[in-house]
Amino acid sequence: MSQNYNFTKYFLMVFVLFTVSKTKAQVQENTILDRFNRNVFNPAYAGSEGKVIAFNTRSTWKGIADAPKTNYFMYSGSPKKNLSFGLSVISNKVFIDTRTQYALDASYKLKVGNKYNLFLGLKAGATTKNSDLDGLERITKIDNPAIAQTDKATFPVFGFGALLKSDKFYASVAIPNVLNPSKFVKDEVFISSEKPTVYFLTGTSIETGFFGSKVKPYFSVKIIPDSKNQTHIGGTFDFKNTVEVGGGLKSTGFMNVMLLVRTKSGISIAYAYDFGTPNGQTAVTQSGYEFLLKFNFK
């Protein structure tokens, strides 16, 4: 048991160091339920659903010690004179590294025709990174240039986004952070160069004509500099806006299934589970899960 535990820790350490040295894009929130919690990547969603508070937790690579875990908290205020404000906290933990982003969102709504609203958003805040160097069990004391001696850093965040929305359709595009952290932190080994990532998400709602049910297909893309882009395609079946069930497929080689329940009091609870496909291109095929708790002040 101890040997297996040590093996997974060393595997994860090597994987993280390799990823940091080869990938020059910003840290990605590998979420499944992002279309239900869209402020994760796009500030334009602030106020688009009214006053909302939500918590999301995501765990990946089940069975591997210190595997990636993401926690997300979001609050969005009600629009006042077409202007809305919100805040979000996103924490990503991988092995000995923890990154936490604190941001304020602002969104302005414009009327486009009779059916559509256009939301334009800005995100501003800061990200902190902490590394528990004492938790790194090294085989040798010889200095390794791939391992930074810095254990803490803070750098600014500034991003923007847009959302076009109607009752049955939405399309959004955003760059959550246009600033490269390496420009603000001296130790490039600790932070690395992180080029801005573009997020695109679109979906629609189609009436089936049976008992108030709908089919909701969706499609998303992450355009990641110096790395492979990631796509997510899928759909859900919505029964009377109360129960929603469905699934999707990611280009990373993972499939997922999900269930969401909405109550009349405004509470929404969702659970999603993903697993590596046999022919997937990912090196780690262990399954993971995601849980969402959301309250809409109606």
C-alpha atoms as a PDB file:
ATOM      1  CA  MET A   1       0.000   0.000   0.000  1.00  0.00           C
ATOM      2  CA  SER A   2       2.803   2.419   0.921  1.00  0.00           C
ATOM      3  CA  GLN A   3       4.704   1.639  -2.282  1.00  0.00           C
ATOM      4  CA  ASN A   4       1.597   2.336  -4.405  1.00  0.00           C
ATOM      5  CA  TYR A   5       0.999   5.609  -2.566  1.00  0.00           C
ATOM      6  CA  ASN A   6       4.585   6.760  -3.115  1.00  0.00           C
ATOM      7  CA  PHE A   7       4.420   5.775  -6.770  1.00  0.00           C
ATOM      8  CA  THR A   8       1.311   7.881  -7.375  1.00  0.00           C
ATOM      9  CA  LYS A   9       2.893  10.856  -5.606  1.00  0.00           C
ATOM     10  CA  TYR A  10       6.067  10.641  -7.715  1.00  0.00           C
ATOM     11  CA  PHE A  11       3.984  10.137 -10.872  1.00  0.00           C
ATOM     12  CA  LEU A  12       1.928  13.225 -10.090  1.00  0.00           C
ATOM     13  CA  MET A  13       5.037  15.281  -9.309  1.00  0.00           C
ATOM     14  CA  VAL A  14       6.647  14.351 -12.642  1.00  0.00           C
ATOM     15  CA  PHE A  15       3.378  15.004 -14.495  1.00  0.00           C
ATOM     16  CA  VAL A  16       2.981  18.472 -12.937  1.00  0.00           C
ATOM     17  CA  LEU A  17       6.613  19.465 -13.615  1.00  0.00           C
ATOM     18  CA  PHE A  18       6.344  18.261 -17.226  1.00  0.00           C
ATOM     19  CA  THR A  19       3.077  20.149 -17.732  1.00  0.00           C
ATOM     20  CA  VAL A  20       4.488  23.374 -16.310  1.00  0.00           C
ATOM     21  CA  SER A  21       7.592  23.204 -18.496  1.00  0.00           C
ATOM     22  CA  LYS A  22       5.736  22.354 -21.722  1.00  0.00           C
ATOM     23  CA  THR A  23       2.477  24.317 -21.404  1.00  0.00           C
ATOM     24  CA  LYS A  24       2.489  28.095 -21.720  1.00  0.00           C
ATOM     25  CA  ALA A  25      -1.228  28.734 -21.316  1.00  0.00           C
ATOM     26  CA  GLN A  26      -3.056  29.894 -18.219  1.00  0.00           C
ATOM     27  CA  VAL A  27      -4.318  27.421 -15.626  1.00  0.00           C
ATOM     28  CA  GLN A  28      -7.510  25.809 -16.905  1.00  0.00           C
ATOM     29  CA  GLU A  29     -10.597  25.091 -14.823  1.00  0.00           C
ATOM     30  CA  ASN A  30     -11.384  21.597 -16.107  1.00  0.00           C
ATOM     31  CA  THR A  31     -15.072  21.776 -15.195  1.00  0.00           C
ATOM     32  CA  ILE A  32     -17.989  19.695 -16.478  1.00  0.00           C
ATOM     33  CA  LEU A  33     -20.874  21.928 -15.376  1.00  0.00           C
ATOM     34  CA  ASP A  34     -19.440  25.220 -16.636  1.00  0.00           C
ATOM     35  CA  ARG A  35     -22.604  26.102 -18.608  1.00  0.00           C
ATOM     36  CA  PHE A  36     -24.549  26.163 -15.305  1.00  0.00           C
ATOM     37  CA  ASN A  37     -21.869  28.214 -13.539  1.00  0.00           C
ATOM     38  CA  ARG A  38     -20.573  30.357 -16.386  1.00  0.00           C
ATOM     39  CA  ASN A  39     -18.944  33.134 -14.355  1.00  0.00           C
ATOM     40  CA  VAL A  40     -16.031  30.713 -14.005  1.00  0.00           C
ATOM     41  CA  PHE A  41     -14.674  32.051 -17.279  1.00  0.00           C
ATOM     42  CA  ASN A  42     -16.908  34.917 -18.474  1.00  0.00           C
ATOM     43  CA  PRO A  43     -17.681  38.081 -16.433  1.00  0.00           C
ATOM     44  CA  ALA A  44     -20.486  38.995 -18.868  1.00  0.00           C
ATOM     45  CA  TYR A  45     -22.720  36.419 -17.134  1.00  0.00           C
ATOM     46  CA  ALA A  46     -22.914  38.604 -14.019  1.00  0.00           C
ATOM     47  CA  GLY A  47     -26.568  39.615 -13.670  1.00  0.00           C
ATOM     48  CA  SER A  48     -27.716  37.634 -16.713  1.00  0.00           C
ATOM     49  CA  GLU A  49     -29.685  35.268 -14.450  1.00  0.00           C
ATOM     50  CA  GLY A  50     -30.530  37.814 -11.767  1.00  0.00           C
ATOM     51  CA  LYS A  51     -29.256  37.563  -8.198  1.00  0.00           C
ATOM     52  CA  VAL A  52     -27.414  34.243  -7.809  1.00  0.00           C
ATOM     53  CA  ILE A  53     -25.041  32.572  -5.357  1.00  0.00           C
ATOM     54  CA  ALA A  54     -23.315  29.280  -6.167  1.00  0.00           C
ATOM     55  CA  PHE A  55     -20.671  26.837  -4.964  1.00  0.00           C
ATOM     56  CA  ASN A  56     -18.932  24.280  -7.156  1.00  0.00           C
ATOM     57  CA  THR A  57     -16.403  21.571  -6.290  1.00  0.00           C
ATOM     58  CA  ARG A  58     -14.529  19.444  -8.805  1.00  0.00           C
ATOM     59  CA  SER A  59     -12.290  16.434  -8.147  1.00  0.00           C
ATOM     60  CA  THR A  60     -10.351  14.585 -10.854  1.00  0.00           C
ATOM     61  CA  TRP A  61      -8.166  11.488 -11.189  1.00  0.00           C
ATOM     62  CA  LYS A  62      -9.949   9.395  -8.563  1.00  0.00           C
ATOM     63  CA  GLY A  63      -7.541   7.134  -6.696  1.00  0.00           C
ATOM     64  CA  ILE A  64      -4.435   9.309  -7.207  1.00  0.00           C
ATOM     65  CA  ALA A  65      -3.155  11.106  -4.119  1.00  0.00           C
ATOM     66  CA  ASP A  66      -2.976  14.934  -4.319  1.00  0.00           C
ATOM     67  CA  ALA A  67      -4.713  14.922  -7.705  1.00  0.00           C
ATOM     68  CA  PRO A  68      -6.207  18.181  -9.093  1.00  0.00           C
ATOM     69  CA  LYS A  69      -9.121  19.670  -7.164  1.00  0.00           C
ATOM     70  CA  THR A  70     -11.045  22.862  -7.882  1.00  0.00           C
ATOM     71  CA  ASN A  71     -13.409  24.794  -5.603  1.00  0.00           C
ATOM     72  CA  TYR A  72     -15.385  27.722  -6.889  1.00  0.00           C
ATOM     73  CA  PHE A  73     -17.625  30.310  -5.183  1.00  0.00           C
ATOM     74  CA  MET A  74     -19.630  32.903  -7.104  1.00  0.00           C
ATOM     75  CA  TYR A  75     -22.053  35.704  -6.250  1.00  0.00           C
ATOM     76  CA  SER A  76     -23.909  37.724  -8.878  1.00  0.00           C
ATOM     77  CA  GLY A  77     -26.058  40.734  -8.047  1.00  0.00           C
ATOM     78  CA  SER A  78     -29.284  41.856  -9.701  1.00  0.00           C
ATOM     79  CA  PRO A  79     -29.070  44.355 -12.581  1.00  0.00           C
ATOM     80  CA  LYS A  80     -29.573  48.019 -11.711  1.00  0.00           C
ATOM     81  CA  LYS A  81     -30.012  50.319 -14.687  1.00  0.00           C
ATOM     82  CA  ASN A  82     -28.596  47.505 -16.881  1.00  0.00           C
ATOM     83  CA  LEU A  83     -25.403  47.303 -14.783  1.00  0.00           C
ATOM     84  CA  SER A  84     -24.578  44.237 -12.665  1.00  0.00           C
ATOM     85  CA  PHE A  85     -21.736  43.370 -10.307  1.00  0.00           C
ATOM     86  CA  GLY A  86     -20.490  40.053  -8.993  1.00  0.00           C
ATOM     87  CA  LEU A  87     -17.549  38.379  -7.329  1.00  0.00           C
ATOM     88  CA  SER A  88     -15.868  35.005  -7.585  1.00  0.00           C
ATOM     89  CA  VAL A  89     -13.211  32.943  -5.835  1.00  0.00           C
ATOM     90  CA  ILE A  90     -11.592  30.028  -7.696  1.00  0.00           C
ATOM     91  CA  SER A  91      -9.124  27.705  -5.976  1.00  0.00           C
ATOM     92  CA  ASN A  92      -7.095  25.132  -7.953  1.00  0.00           C
ATOM     93  CA  LYS A  93      -4.961  22.650  -6.015  1.00  0.00           C
ATOM     94  CA  VAL A  94      -2.554  20.225  -7.718  1.00  0.00           C
ATOM     95  CA  PHE A  95      -0.050  18.271  -5.615  1.00  0.00           C
ATOM     96  CA  ILE A  96       1.908  20.883  -3.609  1.00  0.00           C
ATOM     97  CA  ASP A  97       0.637  23.887  -5.608  1.00  0.00           C
ATOM     98  CA  THR A  98      -2.479  25.939  -4.799  1.00  0.00           C
ATOM     99  CA  ARG A  99      -3.684  28.838  -6.939  1.00  0.00           C
ATOM    100  CA  THR A 100      -6.556  31.031  -5.779  1.00  0.00           C
ATOM    101  CA  GLN A 101      -8.128  33.744  -7.896  1.00  0.00           C
ATOM    102  CA  TYR A 102     -10.140  36.574  -6.325  1.00  0.00           C
ATOM    103  CA  ALA A 103     -12.057  38.674  -8.836  1.00  0.00           C
ATOM    104  CA  LEU A 104     -14.797  41.266  -9.219  1.00  0.00           C
ATOM    105  CA  ASP A 105     -17.057  41.112 -12.270  1.00  0.00           C
ATOM    106  CA  ALA A 106     -19.034  43.908 -13.911  1.00  0.00           C
ATOM    107  CA  SER A 107     -21.530  43.437 -16.734  1.00  0.00           C
ATOM    108  CA  TYR A 108     -23.629  45.860 -18.797  1.00  0.00           C
ATOM    109  CA  LYS A 109     -26.771  44.770 -20.685  1.00  0.00           C
ATOM    110  CA  LEU A 110     -27.723  46.086 -24.127  1.00  0.00           C
ATOM    111  CA  LYS A 111     -30.946  45.305 -25.981  1.00  0.00           C
ATOM    112  CA  VAL A 112     -30.397  43.827 -29.463  1.00  0.00           C
ATOM    113  CA  GLY A 113     -33.616  43.577 -31.465  1.00  0.00           C
ATOM    114  CA  ASN A 114     -36.751  42.127 -29.917  1.00  0.00           C
ATOM    115  CA  LYS A 115     -35.354  38.787 -28.756  1.00  0.00           C
ATOM    116  CA  TYR A 116     -31.721  39.209 -27.750  1.00  0.00           C
ATOM    117  CA  ASN A 117     -29.754  40.841 -24.959  1.00  0.00           C
ATOM    118  CA  LEU A 118     -26.037  41.530 -25.270  1.00  0.00           C
ATOM    119  CA  PHE A 119     -23.994  41.508 -22.040  1.00  0.00           C
ATOM    120  CA  LEU A 120     -20.496  43.014 -21.991  1.00  0.00           C
ATOM    121  CA  GLY A 121     -18.324  42.168 -18.986  1.00  0.00           C
ATOM    122  CA  LEU A 122     -15.033  42.999 -17.300  1.00  0.00           C
ATOM    123  CA  LYS A 123     -13.137  40.975 -14.686  1.00  0.00           C
ATOM    124  CA  ALA A 124     -10.476  42.401 -12.344  1.00  0.00           C
ATOM    125  CA  GLY A 125      -8.688  40.886  -9.382  1.00  0.00           C
ATOM    126  CA  ALA A 126      -5.620  38.989  -8.296  1.00  0.00           C
ATOM    127  CA  THR A 127      -4.304  35.441  -8.133  1.00  0.00           C
ATOM    128  CA  THR A 128      -2.118  34.016  -5.386  1.00  0.00           C
ATOM    129  CA  LYS A 129       0.057  30.944  -5.775  1.00  0.00           C
ATOM    130  CA  ASN A 130       1.410  28.955  -2.831  1.00  0.00           C
ATOM    131  CA  SER A 131       3.688  25.918  -2.956  1.00  0.00           C
ATOM    132  CA  ASP A 132       4.188  23.638   0.024  1.00  0.00           C
ATOM    133  CA  LEU A 133       7.867  22.929  -0.575  1.00  0.00           C
ATOM    134  CA  ASP A 134       8.066  20.941   2.660  1.00  0.00           C
ATOM    135  CA  GLY A 135       5.556  18.512   1.177  1.00  0.00           C
ATOM    136  CA  LEU A 136       7.880  17.718  -1.722  1.00  0.00           C
ATOM    137  CA  GLU A 137       9.673  14.469  -0.882  1.00  0.00           C
ATOM    138  CA  ARG A 138      12.865  14.759  -2.913  1.00  0.00           C
ATOM    139  CA  ILE A 139      15.189  11.860  -3.613  1.00  0.00           C
ATOM    140  CA  THR A 140      18.266  14.113  -3.641  1.00  0.00           C
ATOM    141  CA  LYS A 141      19.226  17.494  -2.148  1.00  0.00           C
ATOM    142  CA  ILE A 142      20.924  18.634  -5.353  1.00  0.00           C
ATOM    143  CA  ASP A 143      19.321  21.791  -6.771  1.00  0.00           C
ATOM    144  CA  ASN A 144      16.850  21.104  -9.558  1.00  0.00           C
ATOM    145  CA  PRO A 145      16.311  24.044 -11.977  1.00  0.00           C
ATOM    146  CA  ALA A 146      12.794  22.788 -12.692  1.00  0.00           C
ATOM    147  CA  ILE A 147      11.823  23.237  -9.032  1.00  0.00           C
ATOM    148  CA  ALA A 148      11.517  26.866  -7.904  1.00  0.00           C
ATOM    149  CA  GLN A 149      12.737  27.954  -4.500  1.00  0.00           C
ATOM    150  CA  THR A 150       9.921  30.521  -4.269  1.00  0.00           C
ATOM    151  CA  ASP A 151       6.873  29.396  -2.311  1.00  0.00           C
ATOM    152  CA  LYS A 152       4.499  32.391  -2.664  1.00  0.00           C
ATOM    153  CA  ALA A 153       3.550  34.906  -5.354  1.00  0.00           C
ATOM    154  CA  THR A 154       0.707  37.284  -6.265  1.00  0.00           C
ATOM    155  CA  PHE A 155      -0.127  38.666  -9.691  1.00  0.00           C
ATOM    156  CA  PRO A 156      -3.008  40.724 -11.184  1.00  0.00           C
ATOM    157  CA  VAL A 157      -5.958  39.464 -13.224  1.00  0.00           C
ATOM    158  CA  PHE A 158      -7.826  41.412 -15.888  1.00  0.00           C
ATOM    159  CA  GLY A 159     -10.216  39.910 -18.411  1.00  0.00           C
ATOM    160  CA  PHE A 160     -13.315  40.571 -20.474  1.00  0.00           C
ATOM    161  CA  GLY A 161     -16.164  38.751 -22.162  1.00  0.00           C
ATOM    162  CA  ALA A 162     -19.418  39.028 -24.094  1.00  0.00           C
ATOM    163  CA  LEU A 163     -22.704  37.120 -23.981  1.00  0.00           C
ATOM    164  CA  LEU A 164     -25.521  37.145 -26.541  1.00  0.00           C
ATOM    165  CA  LYS A 165     -28.646  35.635 -25.053  1.00  0.00           C
ATOM    166  CA  SER A 166     -32.333  35.013 -25.807  1.00  0.00           C
ATOM    167  CA  ASP A 167     -34.909  32.702 -24.247  1.00  0.00           C
ATOM    168  CA  LYS A 168     -33.779  29.786 -26.423  1.00  0.00           C
ATOM    169  CA  PHE A 169     -30.185  30.549 -27.431  1.00  0.00           C
ATOM    170  CA  TYR A 170     -26.900  31.790 -25.978  1.00  0.00           C
ATOM    171  CA  ALA A 171     -23.379  32.343 -27.272  1.00  0.00           C
ATOM    172  CA  SER A 172     -20.451  33.691 -25.313  1.00  0.00           C
ATOM    173  CA  VAL A 173     -16.768  34.414 -25.780  1.00  0.00           C
ATOM    174  CA  ALA A 174     -14.272  35.491 -23.122  1.00  0.00           C
ATOM    175  CA  ILE A 175     -10.632  35.866 -22.146  1.00  0.00           C
ATOM    176  CA  PRO A 176     -10.627  35.602 -18.330  1.00  0.00           C
ATOM    177  CA  ASN A 177      -7.113  37.044 -18.031  1.00  0.00           C
ATOM    178  CA  VAL A 178      -5.147  38.923 -20.689  1.00  0.00           C
ATOM    179  CA  LEU A 179      -2.155  39.479 -18.377  1.00  0.00           C
ATOM    180  CA  ASN A 180       0.837  37.139 -18.380  1.00  0.00           C
ATOM    181  CA  PRO A 181       1.813  36.372 -14.732  1.00  0.00           C
ATOM    182  CA  SER A 182       5.493  36.047 -15.637  1.00  0.00           C
ATOM    183  CA  LYS A 183       5.533  39.805 -16.300  1.00  0.00           C
ATOM    184  CA  PHE A 184       4.741  40.467 -12.637  1.00  0.00           C
ATOM    185  CA  VAL A 185       6.731  37.735 -10.843  1.00  0.00           C
ATOM    186  CA  LYS A 186      10.542  37.544 -10.974  1.00  0.00           C
ATOM    187  CA  ASP A 187      10.848  33.766 -10.567  1.00  0.00           C
ATOM    188  CA  GLU A 188       9.688  32.466 -13.964  1.00  0.00           C
ATOM    189  CA  VAL A 189      10.282  28.860 -12.900  1.00  0.00           C
ATOM    190  CA  PHE A 190       7.680  29.317 -10.161  1.00  0.00           C
ATOM    191  CA  ILE A 191       5.046  30.964 -12.348  1.00  0.00           C
ATOM    192  CA  SER A 192       6.042  30.152 -15.960  1.00  0.00           C
ATOM    193  CA  SER A 193       4.809  32.029 -19.025  1.00  0.00           C
ATOM    194  CA  GLU A 194       1.029  31.813 -19.320  1.00  0.00           C
ATOM    195  CA  LYS A 195      -0.538  33.158 -22.496  1.00  0.00           C
ATOM    196  CA  PRO A 196      -4.236  34.148 -22.473  1.00  0.00           C
ATOM    197  CA  THR A 197      -6.804  31.454 -23.181  1.00  0.00           C
ATOM    198  CA  VAL A 198     -10.035  32.094 -25.128  1.00  0.00           C
ATOM    199  CA  TYR A 199     -13.278  30.444 -23.985  1.00  0.00           C
ATOM    200  CA  PHE A 200     -16.248  29.984 -26.347  1.00  0.00           C
ATOM    201  CA  LEU A 201     -19.598  28.468 -25.358  1.00  0.00           C
ATOM    202  CA  THR A 202     -22.907  28.195 -27.205  1.00  0.00           C
ATOM    203  CA  GLY A 203     -26.138  26.293 -26.729  1.00  0.00           C
ATOM    204  CA  THR A 204     -29.827  26.277 -27.522  1.00  0.00           C
ATOM    205  CA  SER A 205     -33.139  24.995 -26.192  1.00  0.00           C
ATOM    206  CA  ILE A 206     -35.517  23.024 -28.429  1.00  0.00           C
ATOM    207  CA  GLU A 207     -39.125  22.300 -27.455  1.00  0.00           C
ATOM    208  CA  THR A 208     -40.051  18.637 -27.937  1.00  0.00           C
ATOM    209  CA  GLY A 209     -43.813  19.101 -27.644  1.00  0.00           C
ATOM    210  CA  PHE A 210     -44.073  16.385 -24.997  1.00  0.00           C
ATOM    211  CA  PHE A 211     -45.077  17.295 -21.410  1.00  0.00           C
ATOM    212  CA  GLY A 212     -43.161  20.574 -21.396  1.00  0.00           C
ATOM    213  CA  SER A 213     -39.816  18.911 -22.077  1.00  0.00           C
ATOM    214  CA  LYS A 214     -36.838  20.356 -23.982  1.00  0.00           C
ATOM    215  CA  VAL A 215     -33.622  19.164 -25.582  1.00  0.00           C
ATOM    216  CA  LYS A 216     -30.597  21.387 -24.865  1.00  0.00           C
ATOM    217  CA  PRO A 217     -27.476  20.742 -26.992  1.00  0.00           C
ATOM    218  CA  TYR A 218     -24.279  22.667 -26.230  1.00  0.00           C
ATOM    219  CA  PHE A 219     -20.764  23.134 -27.581  1.00  0.00           C
ATOM    220  CA  SER A 220     -17.684  24.748 -26.041  1.00  0.00           C
ATOM    221  CA  VAL A 221     -14.083  25.410 -27.098  1.00  0.00           C
ATOM    222  CA  LYS A 222     -10.972  26.456 -25.193  1.00  0.00           C
ATOM    223  CA  ILE A 223      -8.358  27.969 -27.485  1.00  0.00           C
ATOM    224  CA  ILE A 224      -5.118  27.326 -25.588  1.00  0.00           C
ATOM    225  CA  PRO A 225      -1.860  28.913 -26.840  1.00  0.00           C
ATOM    226  CA  ASP A 226       1.049  26.505 -27.421  1.00  0.00           C
ATOM    227  CA  SER A 227      -1.169  23.533 -26.600  1.00  0.00           C
ATOM    228  CA  LYS A 228      -4.037  21.512 -28.059  1.00  0.00           C
ATOM    229  CA  ASN A 229      -7.412  23.211 -28.040  1.00  0.00           C
ATOM    230  CA  GLN A 230     -10.127  21.537 -25.989  1.00  0.00           C
ATOM    231  CA  THR A 231     -13.704  20.981 -27.156  1.00  0.00           C
ATOM    232  CA  HIS A 232     -16.749  19.783 -25.253  1.00  0.00           C
ATOM    233  CA  ILE A 233     -19.930  18.699 -27.027  1.00  0.00           C
ATOM    234  CA  GLY A 234     -23.081  17.235 -25.518  1.00  0.00           C
ATOM    235  CA  GLY A 235     -26.677  17.802 -24.551  1.00  0.00           C
ATOM    236  CA  THR A 236     -29.309  17.397 -21.875  1.00  0.00           C
ATOM    237  CA  PHE A 237     -32.989  16.504 -21.658  1.00  0.00           C
ATOM    238  CA  ASP A 238     -34.977  18.993 -19.552  1.00  0.00           C
ATOM    239  CA  PHE A 239     -38.312  17.959 -18.058  1.00  0.00           C
ATOM    240  CA  LYS A 240     -40.469  20.982 -17.142  1.00  0.00           C
ATOM    241  CA  ASN A 241     -37.399  22.974 -16.064  1.00  0.00           C
ATOM    242  CA  THR A 242     -37.243  20.742 -12.973  1.00  0.00           C
ATOM    243  CA  VAL A 243     -35.049  17.760 -13.846  1.00  0.00           C
ATOM    244  CA  GLU A 244     -32.226  17.869 -16.387  1.00  0.00           C
ATOM    245  CA  VAL A 245     -30.178  14.820 -17.387  1.00  0.00           C
ATOM    246  CA  GLY A 246     -27.558  14.320 -20.083  1.00  0.00           C
ATOM    247  CA  GLY A 247     -23.893  13.985 -20.918  1.00  0.00           C
ATOM    248  CA  GLY A 248     -21.043  14.996 -23.162  1.00  0.00           C
ATOM    249  CA  LEU A 249     -17.697  14.143 -24.708  1.00  0.00           C
ATOM    250  CA  LYS A 250     -14.454  16.121 -24.384  1.00  0.00           C
ATOM    251  CA  SER A 251     -11.595  16.112 -26.848  1.00  0.00           C
ATOM    252  CA  THR A 252      -9.304  15.263 -23.927  1.00  0.00           C
ATOM    253  CA  GLY A 253     -10.645  11.705 -24.099  1.00  0.00           C
ATOM    254  CA  PHE A 254     -13.232  11.935 -21.322  1.00  0.00           C
ATOM    255  CA  MET A 255     -16.981  11.296 -21.358  1.00  0.00           C
ATOM    256  CA  ASN A 256     -19.358  12.621 -18.709  1.00  0.00           C
ATOM    257  CA  VAL A 257     -22.901  12.202 -17.427  1.00  0.00           C
ATOM    258  CA  MET A 258     -24.829  14.646 -15.270  1.00  0.00           C
ATOM    259  CA  LEU A 259     -28.068  15.170 -13.340  1.00  0.00           C
ATOM    260  CA  LEU A 260     -29.511  18.506 -12.235  1.00  0.00           C
ATOM    261  CA  VAL A 261     -32.597  19.130 -10.074  1.00  0.00           C
ATOM    262  CA  ARG A 262     -34.244  22.542  -9.695  1.00  0.00           C
ATOM    263  CA  THR A 263     -36.683  23.380  -6.912  1.00  0.00           C
ATOM    264  CA  LYS A 264     -39.428  25.998  -6.801  1.00  0.00           C
ATOM    265  CA  SER A 265     -37.554  27.769  -3.996  1.00  0.00           C
ATOM    266  CA  GLY A 266     -34.702  28.627  -6.390  1.00  0.00           C
ATOM    267  CA  ILE A 267     -32.221  25.948  -5.272  1.00  0.00           C
ATOM    268  CA  SER A 268     -30.451  23.905  -7.953  1.00  0.00           C
ATOM    269  CA  ILE A 269     -28.357  20.820  -7.202  1.00  0.00           C
ATOM    270  CA  ALA A 270     -26.250  19.103  -9.849  1.00  0.00           C
ATOM    271  CA  TYR A 271     -23.870  16.146  -9.931  1.00  0.00           C
ATOM    272  CA  ALA A 272     -21.606  15.137 -12.818  1.00  0.00           C
ATOM    273  CA  TYR A 273     -19.270  12.177 -13.281  1.00  0.00           C
ATOM    274  CA  ASP A 274     -16.591  11.790 -15.937  1.00  0.00           C
ATOM    275  CA  PHE A 275     -14.401   8.881 -17.011  1.00  0.00           C
ATOM    276  CA  GLY A 276     -11.662   8.262 -19.558  1.00  0.00           C
ATOM    277  CA  THR A 277     -12.685   6.557 -22.777  1.00  0.00           C
ATOM    278  CA  PRO A 278     -10.760   3.414 -23.850  1.00  0.00           C
ATOM    279  CA  ASN A 279      -9.406   5.148 -26.958  1.00  0.00           C
ATOM    280  CA  GLY A 280      -8.802   8.509 -25.290  1.00  0.00           C
ATOM    281  CA  GLN A 281      -5.518  10.365 -25.740  1.00  0.00           C
ATOM    282  CA  THR A 282      -5.136  11.363 -22.093  1.00  0.00           C
ATOM    283  CA  ALA A 283      -2.345   9.827 -19.993  1.00  0.00           C
ATOM    284  CA  VAL A 284      -4.548   9.632 -16.878  1.00  0.00           C
ATOM    285  CA  THR A 285      -7.929   7.961 -17.389  1.00  0.00           C
ATOM    286  CA  GLN A 286      -9.110   7.853 -13.762  1.00  0.00           C
ATOM    287  CA  SER A 287     -12.652   9.095 -13.235  1.00  0.00           C
ATOM    288  CA  GLY A 288     -13.714  12.212 -11.368  1.00  0.00           C
ATOM    289  CA  TYR A 289     -16.799  14.037 -10.182  1.00  0.00           C
ATOM    290  CA  GLU A 290     -18.272  17.517  -9.862  1.00  0.00           C
ATOM    291  CA  PHE A 291     -20.936  18.903  -7.508  1.00  0.00           C
ATOM    292  CA  LEU A 292     -22.855  22.166  -7.884  1.00  0.00           C
ATOM    293  CA  LEU A 293     -25.125  23.951  -5.393  1.00  0.00           C
ATOM    294  CA  LYS A 294     -26.816  27.088  -6.678  1.00  0.00           C
ATOM    295  CA  PHE A 295     -29.475  29.463  -5.356  1.00  0.00           C
ATOM    296  CA  ASN A 296     -31.358  31.966  -7.478  1.00  0.00           C
ATOM    297  CA  PHE A 297     -33.039  34.774  -5.503  1.00  0.00           C
ATOM    298  CA  LYS A 298     -36.309  35.054  -7.391  1.00  0.00           C
END
